[in-house]
Amino acid sequence: MAKTCPTCGKGTIIVGHYSNRVRATKFNPTGNKRKYPNLQWAPLADGSRLKICTKCMKVGKHLEIKFV
């Protein structure tokens, strides 16, 4: 299972870029990090479950998903 939300498409991002000033003053500056979306299991209307992000869960998008 991919680490993306199937309803909104939110996925991983790379953060943690540092400026030249930080690089010049720190002995061991850290590089990039990968941040993942907060995916949680949400029950669907038909009784199955799906991993969606918490923002979609707050809005209630998991209640609107219909499977054919």
Protein backbone atom coordinates (compact mmCIF):
# COMPACT_ATOMS: atom_id res chain seq x y z
CA MET A 1 0.00 0.00 0.00
CA ALA A 2 1.41 3.37 -1.01
CA LYS A 3 1.77 6.14 1.52
CA THR A 4 -0.70 8.45 -0.22
CA CYS A 5 -4.30 9.31 0.53
CA PRO A 6 -6.57 7.81 -2.16
CA THR A 7 -9.23 10.52 -1.77
CA CYS A 8 -7.17 13.73 -1.98
CA GLY A 9 -3.82 12.44 -3.28
CA LYS A 10 -1.76 13.80 -0.41
CA GLY A 11 1.60 12.05 -0.33
CA THR A 12 5.10 12.35 1.05
CA ILE A 13 7.12 15.56 0.90
CA ILE A 14 10.80 16.26 1.42
CA VAL A 15 11.59 18.99 3.97
CA GLY A 16 14.59 20.17 5.93
CA HIS A 17 16.62 22.29 3.54
CA TYR A 18 19.05 24.47 5.40
CA SER A 19 20.61 27.78 4.44
CA ASN A 20 24.28 28.45 3.84
CA ARG A 21 24.50 30.27 7.22
CA VAL A 22 23.38 27.14 9.06
CA ARG A 23 25.81 25.05 7.07
CA ALA A 24 28.66 27.41 7.93
CA THR A 25 28.00 27.51 11.69
CA LYS A 26 26.95 23.94 12.48
CA PHE A 27 29.43 21.13 12.74
CA ASN A 28 27.11 18.44 11.42
CA PRO A 29 24.01 19.92 9.75
CA THR A 30 21.29 17.44 8.92
CA GLY A 31 20.03 17.09 5.39
CA ASN A 32 16.63 16.39 3.96
CA LYS A 33 13.93 14.39 5.70
CA ARG A 34 10.84 12.78 4.27
CA LYS A 35 7.52 13.64 5.94
CA TYR A 36 4.59 11.27 5.57
CA PRO A 37 0.87 12.08 5.71
CA ASN A 38 -1.11 11.03 8.77
CA LEU A 39 -2.98 8.03 7.34
CA GLN A 40 -5.53 6.29 9.53
CA TRP A 41 -7.99 3.46 9.03
CA ALA A 42 -11.49 4.79 8.36
CA PRO A 43 -14.66 2.70 8.12
CA LEU A 44 -16.60 2.99 4.88
CA ALA A 45 -20.36 2.86 4.37
CA ASP A 46 -20.26 -0.76 3.13
CA GLY A 47 -18.40 -1.95 6.26
CA SER A 48 -14.90 -2.20 4.79
CA ARG A 49 -11.97 -0.04 5.84
CA LEU A 50 -9.61 2.28 3.96
CA LYS A 51 -6.51 4.24 4.94
CA ILE A 52 -7.11 7.97 4.38
CA CYS A 53 -5.49 11.12 5.77
CA THR A 54 -6.95 12.73 8.87
CA LYS A 55 -7.91 15.90 7.01
CA CYS A 56 -10.20 13.88 4.73
CA MET A 57 -11.50 12.05 7.79
CA LYS A 58 -12.43 15.33 9.49
CA VAL A 59 -14.30 16.54 6.41
CA GLY A 60 -16.09 13.20 6.12
CA LYS A 61 -14.91 12.12 2.69
CA HIS A 62 -14.78 8.49 3.80
CA LEU A 63 -18.57 8.52 4.15
CA GLU A 64 -19.03 9.66 0.53
CA ILE A 65 -16.93 6.89 -1.08
CA LYS A 66 -19.07 4.45 -3.03
CA PHE A 67 -17.73 1.14 -4.42
CA VAL A 68 -19.43 -0.43 -7.41
